[in-house]
Amino acid sequence: MENVRDPREHFNEEPRHDFTDVVVGFIGFAGFMTVVFAGMVIAKALIS
């Protein structure tokens, strides 16, 4: 039976870029919240 957990067989399958993932997520969420904020400002301007 093969050793499925042998690290020599599974090198670099899914590279991890943790800091890049955090930065992309932060910028994406900040952009989304900016769009939501702009939408609320426009909605308030149209109501009043």
Protein backbone atom coordinates (compact mmCIF):
# COMPACT_ATOMS: atom_id res chain seq x y z
CA MET A 1 0.00 0.00 0.00
CA GLU A 2 1.33 3.42 -0.95
CA ASN A 3 2.21 6.08 1.57
CA VAL A 4 -0.36 8.75 0.68
CA ARG A 5 1.11 11.31 3.08
CA ASP A 6 4.63 11.17 1.63
CA PRO A 7 5.62 14.84 1.19
CA ARG A 8 7.95 14.03 -1.71
CA GLU A 9 4.93 13.15 -3.84
CA HIS A 10 2.99 16.32 -3.03
CA PHE A 11 5.40 19.19 -3.46
CA ASN A 12 3.92 22.59 -4.33
CA GLU A 13 0.43 21.33 -5.17
CA GLU A 14 -1.27 24.48 -3.94
CA PRO A 15 1.13 27.35 -3.24
CA ARG A 16 0.14 29.52 -0.30
CA HIS A 17 0.36 33.31 -0.55
CA ASP A 18 -1.12 34.28 2.79
CA PHE A 19 -0.12 37.95 2.84
CA THR A 20 -1.27 38.45 -0.76
CA ASP A 21 -4.60 36.77 0.05
CA VAL A 22 -5.10 39.06 3.06
CA VAL A 23 -4.25 42.19 1.03
CA VAL A 24 -6.54 41.21 -1.85
CA GLY A 25 -9.35 40.40 0.56
CA PHE A 26 -8.92 43.67 2.44
CA ILE A 27 -8.86 45.76 -0.76
CA GLY A 28 -11.82 43.84 -2.17
CA PHE A 29 -13.91 44.29 0.97
CA ALA A 30 -12.94 47.97 1.26
CA GLY A 31 -13.97 48.48 -2.37
CA PHE A 32 -17.27 46.72 -1.78
CA MET A 33 -18.00 48.86 1.29
CA THR A 34 -17.09 52.00 -0.69
CA VAL A 35 -19.65 51.05 -3.34
CA VAL A 36 -22.27 50.39 -0.63
CA PHE A 37 -21.48 53.75 1.00
CA ALA A 38 -21.76 55.60 -2.32
CA GLY A 39 -25.07 53.87 -3.00
CA MET A 40 -26.44 54.91 0.39
CA VAL A 41 -25.30 58.52 -0.15
CA ILE A 42 -27.03 58.61 -3.54
CA ALA A 43 -30.18 57.04 -2.07
CA LYS A 44 -30.26 59.61 0.74
CA ALA A 45 -29.76 62.45 -1.76
CA LEU A 46 -32.65 61.17 -3.88
CA ILE A 47 -34.97 60.78 -0.87
CA SER A 48 -34.38 64.23 0.62
